[in-house]
N, C-alpha and C. Protein backbone atom coordinates (compact mmCIF):
# COMPACT_ATOMS: atom_id res chain seq x y z
N UNK A 1 185.33 18.21 66.34
CA UNK A 1 185.68 19.25 65.39
C UNK A 1 185.48 18.72 63.98
N UNK A 2 184.83 19.52 63.15
CA UNK A 2 184.50 19.13 61.79
C UNK A 2 185.42 19.88 60.82
N UNK A 3 186.42 19.19 60.30
CA UNK A 3 187.34 19.80 59.34
C UNK A 3 186.84 19.57 57.94
N UNK A 4 186.58 20.66 57.22
CA UNK A 4 186.16 20.56 55.83
C UNK A 4 187.33 21.03 54.97
N UNK A 5 187.76 20.16 54.07
CA UNK A 5 188.87 20.47 53.19
C UNK A 5 188.31 20.91 51.86
N UNK A 6 188.68 22.09 51.43
CA UNK A 6 188.24 22.59 50.13
C UNK A 6 189.22 22.08 49.08
N UNK A 7 188.69 21.32 48.13
CA UNK A 7 189.55 20.75 47.09
C UNK A 7 189.16 21.31 45.74
N UNK A 8 190.09 21.27 44.82
CA UNK A 8 189.86 21.77 43.47
C UNK A 8 189.50 20.66 42.50
N UNK A 9 189.11 19.50 43.02
CA UNK A 9 188.78 18.39 42.15
C UNK A 9 187.69 17.53 42.77
N UNK A 10 187.07 16.71 41.92
CA UNK A 10 186.11 15.70 42.35
C UNK A 10 186.75 14.33 42.20
N UNK A 11 186.37 13.40 43.05
CA UNK A 11 186.69 12.00 42.78
C UNK A 11 185.58 11.47 41.89
N UNK A 12 185.80 10.33 41.27
CA UNK A 12 184.78 9.76 40.38
C UNK A 12 183.46 9.52 41.11
N UNK A 13 183.45 8.90 42.29
CA UNK A 13 182.16 8.70 42.97
C UNK A 13 181.46 10.01 43.35
N UNK A 14 182.23 11.01 43.73
CA UNK A 14 181.64 12.31 44.08
C UNK A 14 180.97 12.95 42.87
N UNK A 15 181.66 12.93 41.74
CA UNK A 15 181.10 13.55 40.53
C UNK A 15 179.90 12.77 40.02
N UNK A 16 179.96 11.44 40.08
CA UNK A 16 178.83 10.63 39.65
C UNK A 16 177.60 10.97 40.48
N UNK A 17 177.77 11.12 41.77
CA UNK A 17 176.65 11.47 42.65
C UNK A 17 176.13 12.86 42.32
N UNK A 18 177.02 13.81 42.10
CA UNK A 18 176.64 15.18 41.76
C UNK A 18 175.84 15.24 40.45
N UNK A 19 176.24 14.41 39.48
CA UNK A 19 175.57 14.40 38.18
C UNK A 19 174.32 13.53 38.17
N UNK A 20 174.18 12.66 39.16
CA UNK A 20 173.03 11.76 39.21
C UNK A 20 173.15 10.60 38.24
N UNK A 21 174.38 10.16 38.00
CA UNK A 21 174.61 9.00 37.13
C UNK A 21 175.41 7.96 37.91
N UNK A 22 175.48 6.76 37.37
CA UNK A 22 176.24 5.70 38.04
C UNK A 22 177.74 5.91 37.84
N UNK A 23 178.52 5.29 38.70
CA UNK A 23 179.97 5.36 38.55
C UNK A 23 180.40 4.73 37.24
N UNK A 24 179.76 3.63 36.86
CA UNK A 24 180.09 2.95 35.60
C UNK A 24 179.87 3.90 34.42
N UNK A 25 178.75 4.61 34.45
CA UNK A 25 178.46 5.57 33.39
C UNK A 25 179.51 6.68 33.35
N UNK A 26 179.92 7.14 34.52
CA UNK A 26 180.95 8.17 34.58
C UNK A 26 182.27 7.64 34.04
N UNK A 27 182.66 6.42 34.42
CA UNK A 27 183.90 5.84 33.91
C UNK A 27 183.86 5.68 32.40
N UNK A 28 182.71 5.32 31.85
CA UNK A 28 182.56 5.24 30.40
C UNK A 28 182.86 6.59 29.76
N UNK A 29 182.29 7.65 30.33
CA UNK A 29 182.50 8.99 29.80
C UNK A 29 183.95 9.46 29.98
N UNK A 30 184.59 9.05 31.06
CA UNK A 30 186.01 9.38 31.25
C UNK A 30 186.88 8.68 30.21
N UNK A 31 186.58 7.42 29.95
CA UNK A 31 187.39 6.65 29.00
C UNK A 31 187.18 7.11 27.56
N UNK A 32 185.96 7.55 27.21
CA UNK A 32 185.74 7.99 25.82
C UNK A 32 186.08 9.46 25.63
N UNK A 33 186.43 10.17 26.72
CA UNK A 33 186.90 11.55 26.60
C UNK A 33 185.82 12.61 26.68
N UNK A 34 184.57 12.23 26.87
CA UNK A 34 183.52 13.26 26.95
C UNK A 34 183.58 14.03 28.26
N UNK A 35 184.19 13.44 29.29
CA UNK A 35 184.50 14.15 30.53
C UNK A 35 186.00 14.00 30.74
N UNK A 36 186.67 15.13 30.94
CA UNK A 36 188.12 15.14 31.08
C UNK A 36 188.51 14.81 32.52
N UNK A 37 189.35 13.81 32.69
CA UNK A 37 189.82 13.43 34.02
C UNK A 37 191.27 12.97 33.96
N UNK A 38 191.88 12.87 35.11
CA UNK A 38 193.26 12.44 35.22
C UNK A 38 193.32 11.17 36.06
N UNK A 39 194.09 10.22 35.61
CA UNK A 39 194.32 9.01 36.38
C UNK A 39 195.30 9.35 37.49
N UNK A 40 194.96 9.00 38.72
CA UNK A 40 195.80 9.28 39.88
C UNK A 40 195.92 8.00 40.66
N UNK A 41 196.97 7.23 40.38
CA UNK A 41 197.09 5.90 40.97
C UNK A 41 196.02 5.00 40.40
N UNK A 42 195.20 4.42 41.28
CA UNK A 42 194.09 3.57 40.83
C UNK A 42 192.82 4.37 40.53
N UNK A 43 192.82 5.64 40.89
CA UNK A 43 191.61 6.44 40.84
C UNK A 43 191.67 7.51 39.77
N UNK A 44 190.50 8.04 39.45
CA UNK A 44 190.41 9.21 38.58
C UNK A 44 190.08 10.41 39.43
N UNK A 45 190.67 11.55 39.06
CA UNK A 45 190.25 12.81 39.64
C UNK A 45 189.84 13.72 38.48
N UNK A 46 188.84 14.52 38.73
CA UNK A 46 188.32 15.43 37.71
C UNK A 46 188.43 16.83 38.28
N UNK A 47 189.26 17.65 37.69
CA UNK A 47 189.46 19.01 38.18
C UNK A 47 188.23 19.86 37.90
N UNK A 48 187.83 20.63 38.90
CA UNK A 48 186.64 21.47 38.79
C UNK A 48 186.80 22.50 37.68
N UNK A 49 188.02 22.96 37.43
CA UNK A 49 188.25 23.95 36.38
C UNK A 49 188.03 23.38 34.98
N UNK A 50 188.09 22.04 34.86
CA UNK A 50 187.98 21.39 33.55
C UNK A 50 186.55 21.03 33.16
N UNK A 51 185.60 21.18 34.08
CA UNK A 51 184.24 20.76 33.76
C UNK A 51 183.23 21.84 34.12
N UNK A 52 182.10 21.81 33.46
CA UNK A 52 180.98 22.69 33.74
C UNK A 52 179.80 21.79 34.12
N UNK A 53 179.54 21.69 35.42
CA UNK A 53 178.52 20.77 35.94
C UNK A 53 177.15 21.03 35.29
N UNK A 54 176.76 22.31 35.19
CA UNK A 54 175.45 22.65 34.63
C UNK A 54 175.34 22.19 33.17
N UNK A 55 176.41 22.37 32.41
CA UNK A 55 176.40 21.97 30.99
C UNK A 55 176.29 20.44 30.86
N UNK A 56 177.04 19.72 31.68
CA UNK A 56 177.00 18.25 31.63
C UNK A 56 175.63 17.74 32.04
N UNK A 57 175.05 18.33 33.09
CA UNK A 57 173.72 17.91 33.53
C UNK A 57 172.68 18.14 32.44
N UNK A 58 172.78 19.27 31.72
CA UNK A 58 171.81 19.54 30.66
C UNK A 58 171.96 18.56 29.50
N UNK A 59 173.18 18.15 29.20
CA UNK A 59 173.42 17.16 28.14
C UNK A 59 172.88 15.81 28.54
N UNK A 60 173.07 15.43 29.81
CA UNK A 60 172.62 14.12 30.29
C UNK A 60 171.10 14.01 30.32
N UNK A 61 170.39 15.12 30.48
CA UNK A 61 168.93 15.10 30.56
C UNK A 61 168.26 14.94 29.20
N UNK A 62 169.01 15.14 28.13
CA UNK A 62 168.42 15.05 26.78
C UNK A 62 168.18 13.63 26.37
């Protein structure tokens, strides 16, 4: 049985893969505030409502 859980957030590795950038690059953007994320224990989570994937991808391609 394949259980798919629908979540309202990305983990840092998931978002980095979605954007086509490295995790290190994503962490840099999280720390400087260009991508809004929340620290959750040792990890960052990025709420889907707080980001626009298409807008971020277009900025990264410039």
